[in-house]
Protein backbone atom coordinates (compact mmCIF):
# COMPACT_ATOMS: atom_id res chain seq x y z
CA MET A 1 -84.27 2.29 -19.15
CA ARG A 2 -82.30 5.11 -21.22
CA ASN A 3 -83.29 3.89 -24.62
CA ARG A 4 -86.87 3.87 -23.08
CA SER A 5 -86.71 7.19 -21.71
CA ILE A 6 -85.32 8.52 -25.28
CA LYS A 7 -87.82 6.98 -27.40
CA CYS A 8 -90.77 8.53 -24.79
CA LYS A 9 -89.02 12.53 -25.72
CA GLU A 10 -88.68 11.27 -28.93
CA LEU A 11 -92.83 10.03 -29.21
CA LYS A 12 -93.36 13.19 -27.38
CA ARG A 13 -91.97 15.50 -29.86
CA VAL A 14 -93.29 13.12 -32.82
CA GLN A 15 -97.27 13.66 -31.36
CA LYS A 16 -96.69 18.02 -31.14
CA LEU A 17 -95.61 16.82 -34.88
CA ARG A 18 -98.65 15.51 -35.95
CA TYR A 19 -100.92 18.50 -34.42
CA GLN A 20 -99.21 20.44 -37.23
CA GLY A 21 -99.88 17.81 -40.32
CA ILE A 22 -96.53 17.06 -40.28
CA ARG A 23 -95.41 12.88 -40.20
CA VAL A 24 -92.19 11.68 -38.97
CA ASN A 25 -90.97 8.24 -40.42
CA SER A 26 -87.20 6.94 -41.53
CA ILE A 27 -86.09 4.51 -43.53
CA CYS A 28 -83.47 2.04 -42.13
CA PRO A 29 -81.97 0.34 -45.37
CA SER A 30 -79.47 -2.65 -45.69
CA MET A 31 -76.62 -2.81 -48.05
CA THR A 32 -77.21 -0.61 -51.14
CA LEU A 33 -75.72 -1.36 -54.73
CA THR A 34 -74.52 2.31 -55.41
CA ASP A 35 -71.49 3.09 -57.34
CA SER A 36 -69.34 2.95 -54.42
CA VAL A 37 -70.96 -0.59 -53.61
CA ARG A 38 -70.41 -1.79 -57.04
CA LYS A 39 -66.48 -0.83 -57.07
CA TRP A 40 -66.02 -2.74 -53.98
CA SER A 41 -68.06 -5.64 -55.08
CA LYS A 42 -65.77 -5.69 -57.98
CA GLU A 43 -62.51 -5.92 -55.56
CA VAL A 44 -63.81 -8.15 -53.14
CA PRO A 45 -66.30 -10.38 -54.29
CA GLU A 46 -66.28 -13.24 -51.82
CA GLN A 47 -67.80 -10.51 -49.19
CA GLU A 48 -70.11 -9.46 -51.56
CA LYS A 49 -71.49 -12.90 -52.18
CA ALA A 50 -71.43 -13.72 -48.28
CA VAL A 51 -73.40 -10.07 -48.10
CA GLU A 52 -75.99 -11.01 -50.45
CA GLU A 53 -76.27 -14.69 -48.89
CA ALA A 54 -77.09 -12.82 -45.48
CA ILE A 55 -80.26 -10.55 -47.10
CA PRO A 56 -83.40 -12.92 -47.53
CA LEU A 57 -84.12 -12.24 -51.29
CA GLU A 58 -80.13 -12.83 -51.68
CA ARG A 59 -79.61 -9.49 -53.31
CA MET A 60 -78.47 -6.16 -52.45
CA GLY A 61 -80.72 -3.27 -52.32
CA ARG A 62 -81.38 -0.57 -55.35
CA VAL A 63 -81.59 3.41 -54.98
CA GLU A 64 -84.49 3.95 -56.52
CA GLU A 65 -86.22 1.31 -54.80
CA GLN A 66 -85.21 3.10 -51.40
CA ALA A 67 -85.93 6.47 -53.20
CA ASN A 68 -89.42 4.53 -53.95
CA THR A 69 -89.78 3.74 -49.89
CA ALA A 70 -89.01 7.33 -49.45
CA VAL A 71 -92.06 8.81 -52.01
CA TRP A 72 -94.52 6.41 -50.45
CA LEU A 73 -93.97 7.51 -47.36
CA CYS A 74 -94.40 11.00 -48.13
CA SER A 75 -97.53 10.78 -50.12
CA ASN A 76 -100.80 10.40 -48.59
CA LYS A 77 -101.34 6.55 -49.14
CA ALA A 78 -99.20 6.30 -46.19
CA GLY A 79 -101.00 8.23 -44.14
CA ILE A 80 -101.60 6.09 -40.98
CA TYR A 81 -97.64 5.93 -40.87
CA ASN A 82 -96.46 8.08 -38.45
CA TRP A 83 -92.91 7.83 -36.42
CA SER A 84 -92.41 4.71 -38.13
CA TYR A 85 -88.88 2.82 -39.41
CA SER A 86 -89.13 1.04 -42.59
CA PHE A 87 -86.42 -1.47 -43.26
CA CYS A 88 -85.23 -1.91 -46.64
CA ARG A 89 -84.18 -5.40 -46.42
CA CYS A 90 -84.84 -7.01 -49.48
CA TRP A 91 -87.68 -9.81 -47.50
């Protein structure tokens, strides 16, 4: 029940922002191939393989892909999206 009340409070805040022309979205990425992850992958290659097998496209997301998602959410092309969560799971 607590989660529901938190979501209602968040929704009310977002609704107020909507009238100011502000959209609120978030990106929830899966494992991303950053420099630190590349280093980890070299140190523990078997875990890298396990992570990639758990992702439907069987690869980690790239930083550019997440950046493109953020840019799109900020653009007018994503005008209908408000209070949404974009899951970058390499589907």
